[in-house]
N, C-alpha and C. Protein backbone atom coordinates (compact mmCIF):
# COMPACT_ATOMS: atom_id res chain seq x y z
N UNK A 1 18.22 18.03 14.19
CA UNK A 1 17.31 17.69 13.01
C UNK A 1 16.82 16.04 13.45
N UNK A 2 15.39 15.99 13.48
CA UNK A 2 15.04 14.55 13.73
C UNK A 2 15.57 13.81 12.71
N UNK A 3 16.37 12.41 12.82
CA UNK A 3 16.47 11.73 11.27
C UNK A 3 15.36 10.79 11.39
N UNK A 4 14.85 10.30 10.19
CA UNK A 4 13.94 9.34 9.34
C UNK A 4 14.55 8.16 10.20
N UNK A 5 13.99 7.52 10.65
CA UNK A 5 14.04 5.49 11.21
C UNK A 5 13.93 4.88 9.99
N UNK A 6 14.83 4.12 9.96
CA UNK A 6 14.40 2.75 8.89
C UNK A 6 13.54 2.09 8.51
N UNK A 7 13.22 2.46 7.43
CA UNK A 7 11.66 1.45 7.60
C UNK A 7 11.53 0.15 7.01
N UNK A 8 11.68 -0.71 8.15
CA UNK A 8 12.05 -2.17 7.84
C UNK A 8 10.86 -3.18 7.18
N UNK A 9 9.61 -2.41 7.67
CA UNK A 9 8.00 -2.93 6.73
C UNK A 9 6.86 -2.02 7.25
N UNK A 10 6.59 -1.78 6.20
CA UNK A 10 5.61 -0.42 6.04
C UNK A 10 3.94 -1.03 5.87
N UNK A 11 3.26 -0.80 6.10
CA UNK A 11 1.38 -1.00 6.30
C UNK A 11 0.76 -0.38 6.31
N UNK A 12 -0.33 -0.48 5.11
CA UNK A 12 -1.02 0.65 4.68
C UNK A 12 -2.42 -0.10 4.29
N UNK A 13 -3.15 0.36 5.13
CA UNK A 13 -4.31 0.08 4.93
C UNK A 13 -5.68 0.37 4.00
N UNK A 14 -6.30 0.33 3.20
CA UNK A 14 -7.30 1.19 2.36
C UNK A 14 -8.80 0.07 2.39
N UNK A 15 -9.68 0.62 2.06
CA UNK A 15 -11.07 0.42 1.43
C UNK A 15 -11.50 0.99 0.08
N UNK A 16 -11.14 0.00 -0.83
CA UNK A 16 -11.23 1.05 -2.25
C UNK A 16 -13.17 0.56 -2.95
N UNK A 17 -13.83 -0.37 -1.71
CA UNK A 17 -15.18 -0.38 -2.36
C UNK A 17 -15.85 -0.83 -0.79
N UNK A 18 -16.91 -1.01 -0.80
CA UNK A 18 -17.95 -1.69 0.61
C UNK A 18 -17.51 -2.85 0.35
N UNK A 19 -17.31 -3.61 0.79
CA UNK A 19 -16.86 -5.48 1.52
C UNK A 19 -15.23 -5.30 0.78
N UNK A 20 -14.40 -4.60 0.59
CA UNK A 20 -13.36 -4.54 0.37
C UNK A 20 -12.14 -4.12 0.85
N UNK A 21 -10.91 -4.83 1.33
CA UNK A 21 -10.05 -3.95 2.04
C UNK A 21 -8.79 -4.19 1.51
N UNK A 22 -7.89 -3.92 1.05
CA UNK A 22 -6.54 -4.21 0.64
C UNK A 22 -5.54 -3.31 1.93
N UNK A 23 -4.73 -4.51 1.89
CA UNK A 23 -3.56 -4.27 2.97
C UNK A 23 -2.48 -4.16 2.15
N UNK A 24 -1.60 -3.65 2.37
CA UNK A 24 -0.92 -3.64 1.87
C UNK A 24 0.44 -3.08 2.38
N UNK A 25 1.14 -4.19 2.05
CA UNK A 25 2.99 -4.79 2.96
C UNK A 25 3.97 -4.24 2.37
N UNK A 26 4.84 -3.62 3.11
CA UNK A 26 6.13 -3.27 1.98
C UNK A 26 7.27 -3.79 2.47
N UNK A 27 8.61 -3.92 1.90
CA UNK A 27 9.92 -3.95 2.89
C UNK A 27 10.20 -5.79 3.29
N UNK A 28 10.79 -6.04 4.51
CA UNK A 28 10.65 -7.49 5.30
C UNK A 28 9.88 -7.42 6.35
N UNK A 29 8.99 -8.42 6.52
CA UNK A 29 8.51 -9.21 7.03
C UNK A 29 9.05 -10.45 8.04
N UNK A 30 9.82 -10.33 9.11
CA UNK A 30 10.36 -11.06 9.93
C UNK A 30 9.70 -11.36 11.96
N UNK A 31 10.55 -11.93 12.25
CA UNK A 31 10.38 -12.42 13.54
C UNK A 31 9.95 -10.94 14.29
N UNK A 32 10.42 -9.97 14.13
CA UNK A 32 10.52 -8.23 14.85
C UNK A 32 8.90 -8.05 14.17
N UNK A 33 8.46 -7.91 12.72
CA UNK A 33 7.50 -7.55 12.32
C UNK A 33 6.00 -8.50 12.16
N UNK A 34 6.22 -9.54 11.80
CA UNK A 34 4.95 -11.22 11.68
C UNK A 34 4.15 -9.80 12.80
N UNK A 35 3.93 -9.79 14.39
CA UNK A 35 2.89 -9.66 15.00
C UNK A 35 2.45 -8.27 14.36
N UNK A 36 2.85 -7.17 13.92
CA UNK A 36 2.78 -5.93 13.31
C UNK A 36 1.18 -6.31 11.83
N UNK A 37 1.84 -7.02 11.25
CA UNK A 37 0.80 -7.48 10.17
C UNK A 37 -0.20 -8.38 10.80
N UNK A 38 -0.01 -9.77 11.26
CA UNK A 38 -1.08 -9.92 12.27
C UNK A 38 -2.08 -9.07 12.44
N UNK A 39 -1.53 -8.11 13.39
CA UNK A 39 -2.50 -7.09 14.23
C UNK A 39 -3.48 -6.28 13.12
N UNK A 40 -2.51 -6.26 12.00
CA UNK A 40 -3.11 -5.10 10.90
C UNK A 40 -4.52 -5.97 10.30
N UNK A 41 -3.55 -6.94 10.13
CA UNK A 41 -5.25 -8.44 9.32
C UNK A 41 -6.56 -8.43 10.48
N UNK A 42 -5.83 -8.49 11.87
CA UNK A 42 -6.85 -8.39 12.21
C UNK A 42 -7.75 -7.23 12.51
N UNK A 43 -7.32 -6.07 12.40
CA UNK A 43 -7.68 -4.98 12.57
C UNK A 43 -8.68 -4.29 11.65
N UNK A 44 -8.64 -5.44 10.56
CA UNK A 44 -9.92 -5.14 9.36
C UNK A 44 -11.14 -5.43 9.47
N UNK A 45 -11.94 -4.97 9.62
CA UNK A 45 -13.42 -5.02 9.88
C UNK A 45 -14.16 -5.15 9.08
N UNK A 46 -14.40 -6.22 8.01
CA UNK A 46 -15.58 -6.35 6.71
C UNK A 46 -16.49 -7.60 7.18
N UNK A 47 -17.72 -7.61 7.02
CA UNK A 47 -18.87 -8.55 7.44
C UNK A 47 -18.94 -9.21 5.94
N UNK A 48 -18.54 -10.59 5.51
CA UNK A 48 -18.74 -11.21 4.65
C UNK A 48 -17.99 -11.15 3.17
N UNK A 49 -16.73 -9.98 3.78
CA UNK A 49 -16.17 -9.54 2.57
C UNK A 49 -14.66 -10.39 2.32
N UNK A 50 -14.16 -9.53 1.86
CA UNK A 50 -12.35 -9.88 1.07
C UNK A 50 -11.49 -8.72 0.99
N UNK A 51 -10.51 -9.57 2.20
CA UNK A 51 -8.97 -8.69 2.58
C UNK A 51 -8.19 -9.22 1.65
N UNK A 52 -7.73 -8.16 0.86
CA UNK A 52 -6.85 -8.59 -0.03
C UNK A 52 -5.27 -7.71 0.57
N UNK A 53 -4.73 -8.71 0.17
CA UNK A 53 -2.90 -8.76 1.28
C UNK A 53 -2.21 -8.47 -0.27
N UNK A 54 -1.73 -6.99 -0.33
CA UNK A 54 -1.32 -6.71 -1.45
C UNK A 54 0.42 -7.07 -1.30
N UNK A 55 1.24 -8.33 -2.00
CA UNK A 55 2.59 -8.49 -1.21
C UNK A 55 3.69 -7.83 -2.19
N UNK A 56 3.33 -7.13 -3.39
CA UNK A 56 3.97 -6.80 -4.02
C UNK A 56 5.10 -5.85 -3.94
N UNK A 57 5.75 -5.03 -2.92
CA UNK A 57 6.20 -4.93 -2.61
C UNK A 57 7.37 -5.18 -1.43
N UNK A 58 6.22 -6.37 -0.42
CA UNK A 58 7.35 -7.48 -0.01
C UNK A 58 8.21 -8.11 -0.72
N UNK A 59 9.67 -8.15 0.23
CA UNK A 59 10.77 -8.29 -0.38
C UNK A 59 10.96 -9.99 0.58
N UNK A 60 10.79 -9.94 1.33
CA UNK A 60 11.17 -11.45 2.66
C UNK A 60 10.06 -11.66 3.35
N UNK A 61 9.51 -12.70 3.78
CA UNK A 61 8.80 -12.81 4.99
C UNK A 61 9.66 -14.47 5.51
N UNK A 62 9.72 -14.80 6.41
CA UNK A 62 10.36 -15.56 7.35
C UNK A 62 9.21 -16.86 8.15
N UNK A 63 9.67 -17.40 8.64
CA UNK A 63 8.68 -18.78 9.33
C UNK A 63 7.55 -18.15 9.95
N UNK A 64 8.14 -17.20 10.92
CA UNK A 64 7.44 -16.27 11.27
C UNK A 64 6.06 -15.62 11.09
N UNK A 65 6.60 -15.18 9.89
CA UNK A 65 5.31 -14.01 9.59
C UNK A 65 4.46 -14.84 8.35
N UNK A 66 4.97 -16.65 7.97
CA UNK A 66 3.87 -17.18 7.25
C UNK A 66 3.01 -17.49 8.26
N UNK A 67 3.32 -18.47 9.43
CA UNK A 67 3.05 -18.34 10.67
C UNK A 67 1.17 -17.44 10.62
N UNK A 68 1.85 -16.25 11.63
CA UNK A 68 1.18 -14.90 11.02
C UNK A 68 0.06 -14.71 9.81
N UNK A 69 0.15 -15.20 8.98
CA UNK A 69 -0.29 -15.38 7.74
C UNK A 69 -1.64 -16.63 7.96
N UNK A 70 -0.86 -17.55 8.29
CA UNK A 70 -2.57 -18.70 8.21
C UNK A 70 -2.63 -18.16 9.68
N UNK A 71 -2.83 -17.25 11.05
CA UNK A 71 -3.52 -18.04 11.83
C UNK A 71 -4.04 -16.42 11.27
N UNK A 72 -3.99 -15.53 10.70
CA UNK A 72 -4.59 -14.51 10.18
C UNK A 72 -5.96 -14.80 9.54
N UNK A 73 -5.49 -16.07 8.42
CA UNK A 73 -6.83 -16.49 7.74
C UNK A 73 -7.69 -17.06 8.58
N UNK A 74 -7.42 -17.73 9.09
CA UNK A 74 -8.12 -18.83 10.18
C UNK A 74 -9.18 -17.73 11.05
N UNK A 75 -9.08 -16.75 11.28
CA UNK A 75 -9.22 -15.27 12.08
C UNK A 75 -10.56 -14.86 11.51
N UNK A 76 -9.92 -15.08 10.30
CA UNK A 76 -10.72 -13.83 9.08
C UNK A 76 -12.29 -14.74 9.05
N UNK A 77 -11.84 -16.03 8.43
CA UNK A 77 -12.71 -17.41 7.61
C UNK A 77 -13.96 -16.98 8.95
N UNK A 78 -13.43 -17.38 10.28
CA UNK A 78 -14.18 -17.31 11.12
C UNK A 78 -15.38 -16.37 10.86
N UNK A 79 -14.84 -14.85 10.61
CA UNK A 79 -15.70 -13.55 10.58
C UNK A 79 -16.16 -14.01 9.33
N UNK A 80 -16.36 -14.92 8.41
CA UNK A 80 -16.79 -14.55 7.05
C UNK A 80 -15.93 -14.01 6.16
N UNK A 81 -14.93 -13.72 6.39
CA UNK A 81 -13.88 -12.80 5.59
C UNK A 81 -13.51 -14.23 4.57
N UNK A 82 -12.37 -13.84 3.39
CA UNK A 82 -11.86 -14.20 2.53
C UNK A 82 -10.62 -13.78 2.66
N UNK A 83 -9.71 -14.20 2.79
CA UNK A 83 -7.95 -13.34 2.52
C UNK A 83 -7.23 -14.05 1.72
N UNK A 84 -6.95 -12.95 0.37
CA UNK A 84 -7.00 -13.20 -0.88
C UNK A 84 -5.13 -12.47 -0.80
N UNK A 85 -3.94 -13.61 -1.16
CA UNK A 85 -2.94 -12.70 -1.75
C UNK A 85 -2.68 -12.24 -2.67
N UNK A 86 -2.41 -11.40 -2.73
CA UNK A 86 -2.09 -10.35 -4.07
C UNK A 86 -0.70 -9.97 -4.89
N UNK A 87 -0.70 -10.18 -5.89
CA UNK A 87 1.19 -10.06 -6.68
C UNK A 87 1.80 -10.27 -5.83
N UNK A 88 1.72 -11.51 -5.50
CA UNK A 88 3.40 -11.41 -4.64
C UNK A 88 4.95 -11.55 -4.78
N UNK A 89 5.61 -10.82 -4.78
CA UNK A 89 6.62 -10.63 -5.65
C UNK A 89 7.49 -11.80 -5.78
N UNK A 90 8.28 -11.64 -6.74
CA UNK A 90 9.28 -13.42 -6.94
C UNK A 90 9.77 -13.77 -5.71
N UNK A 91 10.20 -13.11 -5.09
CA UNK A 91 11.49 -13.76 -3.89
C UNK A 91 10.29 -14.52 -2.65
N UNK A 92 8.87 -13.75 -2.54
CA UNK A 92 8.03 -14.28 -1.05
C UNK A 92 7.43 -15.30 -2.03
N UNK A 93 7.06 -15.26 -3.16
CA UNK A 93 6.47 -16.61 -3.98
C UNK A 93 6.72 -17.81 -3.56
N UNK A 94 8.41 -17.40 -3.82
CA UNK A 94 9.19 -18.49 -3.71
C UNK A 94 9.34 -19.25 -2.75
N UNK A 95 9.38 -18.39 -1.73
CA UNK A 95 8.99 -18.70 -0.24
C UNK A 95 7.75 -19.59 0.37
N UNK A 96 6.48 -19.06 -0.03
CA UNK A 96 5.73 -19.43 -0.65
C UNK A 96 5.40 -21.01 -0.85
N UNK A 97 6.11 -21.42 -2.24
CA UNK A 97 6.01 -22.29 -2.96
C UNK A 97 6.45 -23.52 -2.02
N UNK A 98 8.16 -23.17 -1.64
CA UNK A 98 8.76 -24.52 -1.09
C UNK A 98 8.41 -24.60 0.18
N UNK A 99 7.62 -23.55 0.99
CA UNK A 99 7.18 -24.13 2.29
C UNK A 99 6.08 -25.05 1.68
N UNK A 100 4.91 -24.58 1.05
CA UNK A 100 4.01 -25.51 0.77
C UNK A 100 2.39 -24.84 1.17
N UNK A 101 3.08 -23.39 1.62
CA UNK A 101 2.16 -22.47 1.77
C UNK A 101 1.00 -21.84 0.79
N UNK A 102 1.73 -21.72 -0.64
CA UNK A 102 0.65 -21.35 -1.34
C UNK A 102 -0.38 -22.32 -1.76
N UNK A 103 -0.14 -23.61 -1.26
CA UNK A 103 -1.94 -24.55 -1.38
C UNK A 103 -3.23 -23.70 -0.56
N UNK A 104 -2.60 -23.69 0.52
CA UNK A 104 -3.30 -23.05 1.30
C UNK A 104 -4.15 -21.78 1.46
N UNK A 105 -3.73 -20.66 0.50
CA UNK A 105 -4.29 -19.18 0.39
C UNK A 105 -5.02 -19.09 -1.49
N UNK A 106 -5.55 -18.43 -1.57
CA UNK A 106 -6.04 -17.99 -2.75
C UNK A 106 -5.04 -16.89 -3.22
N UNK A 107 -4.14 -17.29 -4.37
CA UNK A 107 -2.80 -16.23 -5.17
C UNK A 107 -3.95 -15.35 -6.17
N UNK A 108 -3.71 -14.53 -6.50
CA UNK A 108 -3.72 -13.96 -7.25
C UNK A 108 -2.80 -12.74 -7.94
N UNK A 109 -2.84 -12.85 -9.68
CA UNK A 109 -1.86 -11.69 -9.94
C UNK A 109 -2.26 -11.06 -10.40
N UNK A 110 -2.02 -9.74 -9.76
CA UNK A 110 -2.88 -8.25 -10.20
C UNK A 110 -4.24 -8.12 -9.86
N UNK A 111 -4.63 -7.93 -10.64
CA UNK A 111 -6.67 -7.84 -10.51
C UNK A 111 -7.20 -9.00 -10.24
N UNK A 112 -8.04 -8.98 -9.26
CA UNK A 112 -8.39 -10.74 -8.86
C UNK A 112 -9.94 -10.76 -9.50
N UNK A 113 -9.66 -10.08 -11.15
CA UNK A 113 -11.14 -10.29 -11.78
C UNK A 113 -12.24 -9.92 -11.30
N UNK A 114 -12.46 -9.24 -10.31
CA UNK A 114 -14.29 -9.26 -9.76
C UNK A 114 -13.76 -7.62 -9.52
N UNK A 115 -12.89 -6.73 -10.01
CA UNK A 115 -13.19 -5.44 -10.33
C UNK A 115 -12.56 -4.67 -8.67
N UNK A 116 -11.45 -5.25 -8.20
CA UNK A 116 -10.78 -4.93 -7.56
C UNK A 116 -9.36 -3.86 -8.45
N UNK A 117 -9.34 -3.09 -7.98
CA UNK A 117 -8.53 -2.02 -8.00
C UNK A 117 -6.73 -2.62 -8.19
N UNK A 118 -6.26 -2.59 -8.71
CA UNK A 118 -4.92 -2.65 -9.70
C UNK A 118 -3.81 -2.65 -8.02
N UNK A 119 -2.60 -3.07 -8.16
CA UNK A 119 -2.02 -2.30 -7.30
C UNK A 119 -1.32 -0.80 -7.89
N UNK A 120 -1.10 0.02 -6.61
CA UNK A 120 -0.35 1.06 -6.89
C UNK A 120 0.75 0.61 -7.26
N UNK A 121 1.62 1.38 -8.11
CA UNK A 121 2.73 1.76 -8.30
C UNK A 121 3.52 0.91 -7.24
N UNK A 122 5.30 0.13 -7.86
CA UNK A 122 5.76 -0.64 -7.29
C UNK A 122 6.57 0.46 -6.24
N UNK A 123 6.58 0.47 -5.11
CA UNK A 123 7.25 1.33 -4.01
C UNK A 123 6.32 2.58 -3.19
N UNK A 124 5.11 2.21 -4.06
CA UNK A 124 4.33 3.66 -3.50
C UNK A 124 4.23 3.60 -2.40
N UNK A 125 3.83 2.53 -1.70
CA UNK A 125 3.23 2.36 -0.63
C UNK A 125 4.40 2.30 0.84
N UNK A 126 6.01 2.09 -0.06
CA UNK A 126 7.23 2.86 0.81
C UNK A 126 7.45 4.60 1.00
N UNK A 127 6.97 4.75 -0.37
CA UNK A 127 6.99 6.51 -0.15
C UNK A 127 6.21 7.13 0.39
N UNK A 128 4.70 6.71 0.54
CA UNK A 128 3.60 6.91 1.24
C UNK A 128 4.19 7.36 2.62
N UNK A 129 4.54 6.14 3.17
CA UNK A 129 5.38 6.01 4.59
C UNK A 129 6.38 7.24 4.81
N UNK A 130 7.11 7.54 3.80
CA UNK A 130 8.28 8.55 4.29
C UNK A 130 7.54 9.91 4.45
N UNK A 131 6.52 9.91 3.17
CA UNK A 131 5.70 11.08 3.20
C UNK A 131 4.88 11.51 4.55
N UNK A 132 4.55 10.59 4.92
CA UNK A 132 3.64 10.80 6.42
C UNK A 132 4.77 10.97 7.36
N UNK A 133 6.02 10.29 7.67
CA UNK A 133 6.95 11.13 8.57
C UNK A 133 7.27 12.07 7.88
N UNK A 134 7.68 12.82 6.52
CA UNK A 134 7.71 13.98 6.60
C UNK A 134 6.30 15.16 7.50
N UNK A 135 5.28 14.87 6.79
CA UNK A 135 4.17 15.87 7.46
C UNK A 135 4.55 15.20 8.99
N UNK A 136 4.84 14.39 9.83
CA UNK A 136 4.70 14.66 11.07
C UNK A 136 5.56 15.39 11.60
N UNK A 137 7.03 15.42 11.21
CA UNK A 137 8.25 16.38 11.33
C UNK A 137 7.87 17.82 11.32
N UNK A 138 7.12 18.13 9.85
CA UNK A 138 6.66 19.21 9.25
C UNK A 138 5.55 19.91 10.20
N UNK A 139 4.99 19.04 10.49
CA UNK A 139 3.55 19.72 11.58
C UNK A 139 3.77 20.47 12.75
N UNK A 140 4.76 20.01 13.19
CA UNK A 140 5.52 21.26 14.58
C UNK A 140 5.95 22.44 13.90
N UNK A 141 6.08 22.18 12.71
CA UNK A 141 6.51 24.10 12.26
C UNK A 141 5.58 24.82 12.20
N UNK A 142 4.49 24.42 12.20
CA UNK A 142 3.45 25.45 12.01
C UNK A 142 3.05 26.24 10.50
N UNK A 143 3.44 25.51 9.28
CA UNK A 143 4.03 26.37 8.76
C UNK A 143 2.32 26.15 7.74
N UNK A 144 2.32 27.30 6.93
CA UNK A 144 0.87 27.92 6.60
C UNK A 144 1.35 27.59 4.81
N UNK A 145 2.45 27.68 4.54
CA UNK A 145 3.00 27.55 2.83
C UNK A 145 2.97 25.81 2.33
N UNK A 146 3.17 25.45 1.40
CA UNK A 146 3.66 24.76 0.66
C UNK A 146 4.44 23.55 0.85
N UNK A 147 4.22 22.38 1.26
CA UNK A 147 5.31 21.49 2.21
C UNK A 147 5.82 20.12 1.13
N UNK A 148 7.25 20.38 0.65
CA UNK A 148 7.60 19.49 -0.09
C UNK A 148 7.84 17.81 0.13
N UNK A 149 6.88 17.18 -0.86
CA UNK A 149 6.99 15.10 -0.26
C UNK A 149 7.81 15.03 -1.10
N UNK A 150 7.99 13.63 -1.63
CA UNK A 150 8.48 13.02 -2.43
C UNK A 150 7.22 12.05 -3.30
N UNK A 151 7.60 12.33 -5.00
CA UNK A 151 6.89 11.92 -5.73
C UNK A 151 6.25 10.19 -5.27
N UNK A 152 4.99 9.75 -5.62
CA UNK A 152 5.22 8.22 -5.41
C UNK A 152 4.67 7.78 -6.71
N UNK A 153 5.43 8.04 -7.39
CA UNK A 153 5.27 7.26 -8.93
C UNK A 153 5.57 5.98 -9.07
N UNK A 154 6.45 5.74 -7.65
CA UNK A 154 7.41 4.16 -7.89
C UNK A 154 8.27 4.10 -8.35
N UNK A 155 8.72 5.34 -9.46
CA UNK A 155 10.05 5.18 -9.81
C UNK A 155 11.44 6.02 -8.86
N UNK A 156 12.14 4.90 -8.51
CA UNK A 156 13.00 5.56 -7.21
C UNK A 156 14.67 6.37 -7.80
N UNK A 157 14.11 6.46 -8.67
CA UNK A 157 15.29 7.44 -9.59
C UNK A 157 14.20 8.93 -9.94
N UNK A 158 13.16 8.81 -9.83
CA UNK A 158 12.55 10.09 -9.79
C UNK A 158 12.83 10.76 -8.61
N UNK A 159 12.99 12.40 -9.10
CA UNK A 159 13.47 13.30 -7.68
C UNK A 159 12.54 14.63 -8.10
N UNK A 160 11.25 14.55 -8.80
CA UNK A 160 10.45 15.30 -9.10
C UNK A 160 9.75 15.49 -7.45
N UNK A 161 10.03 17.04 -6.78
CA UNK A 161 8.88 17.32 -5.73
C UNK A 161 7.80 17.39 -5.81
N UNK A 162 6.65 17.07 -5.77
CA UNK A 162 5.13 17.04 -5.45
C UNK A 162 5.16 18.17 -3.88
N UNK A 163 4.39 18.97 -4.25
CA UNK A 163 4.16 20.65 -3.34
C UNK A 163 2.77 20.41 -2.74
N UNK A 164 2.44 20.28 -1.82
CA UNK A 164 1.03 20.67 -1.48
C UNK A 164 0.70 21.24 0.15
N UNK A 165 -0.13 21.56 0.87
CA UNK A 165 -0.07 22.31 1.95
C UNK A 165 -0.53 20.69 2.88
N UNK A 166 0.29 20.58 4.35
CA UNK A 166 -0.08 20.03 5.19
C UNK A 166 -1.51 18.72 5.52
N UNK A 167 -2.26 19.86 5.30
CA UNK A 167 -3.87 19.96 5.62
C UNK A 167 -4.57 18.89 4.22
N UNK A 168 -3.87 19.70 3.01
CA UNK A 168 -3.85 18.85 2.14
C UNK A 168 -3.49 17.11 2.00
N UNK A 169 -2.30 17.12 2.60
CA UNK A 169 -1.78 16.07 2.28
C UNK A 169 -2.25 14.73 3.81
N UNK A 170 -2.72 15.39 4.55
CA UNK A 170 -3.27 14.74 5.54
C UNK A 170 -5.12 14.19 4.72
N UNK A 171 -5.51 15.02 4.25
CA UNK A 171 -7.22 14.74 4.41
C UNK A 171 -6.79 13.33 2.73
N UNK A 172 -5.63 13.82 1.96
CA UNK A 172 -5.30 12.78 0.76
C UNK A 172 -5.46 11.10 1.82
N UNK A 173 -3.99 11.41 2.53
CA UNK A 173 -3.72 10.20 3.13
C UNK A 173 -4.68 9.42 4.06
N UNK A 174 -5.46 10.11 4.42
CA UNK A 174 -6.75 9.32 5.13
C UNK A 174 -7.76 8.98 4.84
N UNK A 175 -7.69 9.30 3.30
CA UNK A 175 -8.55 8.64 2.25
C UNK A 175 -8.96 7.29 2.66
N UNK A 176 -10.18 6.29 1.80
CA UNK A 176 -10.54 5.28 1.81
C UNK A 176 -9.84 4.64 0.26
N UNK A 177 -10.23 5.57 -0.14
CA UNK A 177 -9.08 4.78 -1.54
C UNK A 177 -7.93 4.89 -1.59
N UNK A 178 -7.36 3.85 -2.70
CA UNK A 178 -5.85 3.22 -2.82
C UNK A 178 -5.30 4.70 -4.02
N UNK A 179 -4.59 5.19 -3.25
CA UNK A 179 -4.18 6.44 -4.08
C UNK A 179 -2.95 6.96 -3.91
N UNK A 180 -1.92 7.51 -4.77
CA UNK A 180 -0.57 7.67 -5.27
C UNK A 180 -0.93 9.42 -5.21
N UNK A 181 -0.03 10.10 -4.75
CA UNK A 181 0.13 11.46 -4.85
C UNK A 181 1.72 11.59 -5.67
N UNK A 182 1.59 11.83 -7.10
CA UNK A 182 2.63 11.94 -8.43
C UNK A 182 2.53 13.53 -8.80
N UNK A 183 3.91 13.95 -9.39
CA UNK A 183 4.16 15.07 -10.08
C UNK A 183 3.14 15.21 -11.02
N UNK A 184 2.40 16.69 -11.60
CA UNK A 184 1.63 16.42 -12.71
C UNK A 184 2.41 16.45 -14.04
N UNK A 185 3.31 15.74 -14.18
CA UNK A 185 4.43 15.39 -15.37
C UNK A 185 3.88 14.68 -16.02
N UNK A 186 3.67 13.85 -14.54
CA UNK A 186 3.32 12.11 -15.07
C UNK A 186 1.98 11.71 -15.48
N UNK A 187 1.43 12.53 -15.41
CA UNK A 187 -0.18 12.15 -15.89
C UNK A 187 -0.18 13.43 -17.09
N UNK A 188 0.79 14.12 -17.43
CA UNK A 188 0.60 15.11 -18.45
C UNK A 188 -0.14 14.93 -20.10
N UNK A 189 0.88 13.53 -20.47
CA UNK A 189 0.55 12.40 -21.42
C UNK A 189 -0.88 11.67 -21.42
N UNK A 190 -1.58 11.33 -20.45
CA UNK A 190 -2.66 11.03 -20.59
C UNK A 190 -2.35 9.49 -20.67
N UNK A 191 -1.15 9.03 -20.72
CA UNK A 191 -1.16 7.27 -21.46
C UNK A 191 -0.57 6.36 -19.83
N UNK A 192 -0.10 6.43 -19.35
CA UNK A 192 -0.20 5.34 -18.21
C UNK A 192 -1.69 4.64 -17.07
N UNK A 193 -2.60 5.03 -18.03
CA UNK A 193 -3.57 4.25 -16.92
C UNK A 193 -3.96 4.53 -16.12
N UNK A 194 -3.35 5.96 -15.32
CA UNK A 194 -4.09 6.20 -14.12
C UNK A 194 -5.45 6.95 -13.92
N UNK A 195 -5.93 6.79 -13.29
CA UNK A 195 -7.28 7.80 -12.94
C UNK A 195 -7.23 9.05 -11.99
N UNK A 196 -7.29 10.03 -12.49
CA UNK A 196 -6.85 11.61 -11.63
C UNK A 196 -8.55 11.65 -10.74
N UNK A 197 -8.01 11.82 -9.61
CA UNK A 197 -9.12 12.66 -8.45
C UNK A 197 -8.64 13.63 -8.26
N UNK A 198 -7.51 14.16 -8.80
CA UNK A 198 -7.73 15.61 -7.78
C UNK A 198 -6.42 16.20 -8.31
N UNK A 199 -6.12 17.42 -8.77
CA UNK A 199 -4.96 18.30 -9.53
C UNK A 199 -5.24 19.38 -8.66
N UNK A 200 -3.58 19.79 -8.67
CA UNK A 200 -3.11 20.75 -7.32
C UNK A 200 -2.20 21.36 -8.84
N UNK A 201 -1.75 22.74 -8.26
CA UNK A 201 -0.47 23.37 -9.39
C UNK A 201 0.50 22.33 -9.22
N UNK A 202 0.67 22.03 -7.89
CA UNK A 202 2.28 21.03 -8.07
C UNK A 202 2.14 19.63 -7.71
N UNK A 203 0.59 19.09 -7.83
CA UNK A 203 0.74 17.63 -7.86
C UNK A 203 -0.88 17.18 -8.08
N UNK A 204 -0.49 15.68 -8.47
CA UNK A 204 -1.68 15.17 -8.68
C UNK A 204 -2.23 13.67 -7.81
N UNK A 205 -3.15 13.85 -7.56
CA UNK A 205 -3.67 12.57 -6.87
C UNK A 205 -4.34 11.63 -7.48
N UNK A 206 -3.54 10.21 -7.76
CA UNK A 206 -4.12 9.27 -8.75
C UNK A 206 -4.79 8.20 -7.64
N UNK A 207 -5.00 7.44 -8.61
CA UNK A 207 -5.71 5.68 -8.26
C UNK A 207 -5.85 4.65 -9.38
N UNK A 208 -5.19 3.27 -9.38
CA UNK A 208 -5.29 2.63 -10.41
C UNK A 208 -6.58 2.52 -10.95
N UNK A 209 -6.77 2.51 -12.42
CA UNK A 209 -7.20 2.61 -13.38
C UNK A 209 -8.29 0.76 -13.30
N UNK A 210 -9.24 0.32 -13.22
CA UNK A 210 -9.73 -0.71 -12.95
C UNK A 210 -9.52 -1.68 -14.32
N UNK A 211 -9.10 -0.44 -15.21
CA UNK A 211 -8.70 -1.53 -16.85
C UNK A 211 -7.17 -1.58 -16.98
N UNK A 212 -6.51 -1.21 -16.14
CA UNK A 212 -5.07 -0.92 -16.29
C UNK A 212 -3.90 -1.61 -15.16
N UNK A 213 -3.43 -2.09 -15.78
CA UNK A 213 -2.50 -2.48 -14.16
C UNK A 213 -1.47 -1.17 -14.17
N UNK A 214 -1.08 -0.92 -13.20
CA UNK A 214 -0.19 0.10 -12.75
C UNK A 214 1.64 -0.29 -13.09
């Protein structure tokens, strides 16, 4: 059986509305991963828009990654885009402050105050990457039945599986909204501020509420 490879850094780009793109990065960004981050930011095509770089799940970045961020900022500005750092983790914020790079960027904690979607649950990007890998591995099995993925609620202790067909997962993962696929029990009481986009027997697709932080 093919084994899952370690996820040193995970990138995920969504476009929650016209003129706004969210690039979420999770894990660690160092000399070997910085070029991927720069390429992901360079691939975002928005005229006179805003790119939100969600750093809430990034645990570490080195000087090479900082350089990549500065170069990406300049490139986006040349095309009329603003690069905003969204909700940096404590470790990343410390690095930004010590190096003085925090004075170069606009940095906001959570919602930017202009209607951007709040961040997904912590670790949701990492869990989605794991689920995409599960999808890759099981696609070759030509299954017509339900496939069980890990819950993307963000709780590392959650052991509830979410079940849906491969074609449904691929459709959701390819969507432009920032979404998480969670077990129905997580939204049963309706008190967590998530907005439900789609419901199935063994899964629910949610997106951050504009009025609640996840």
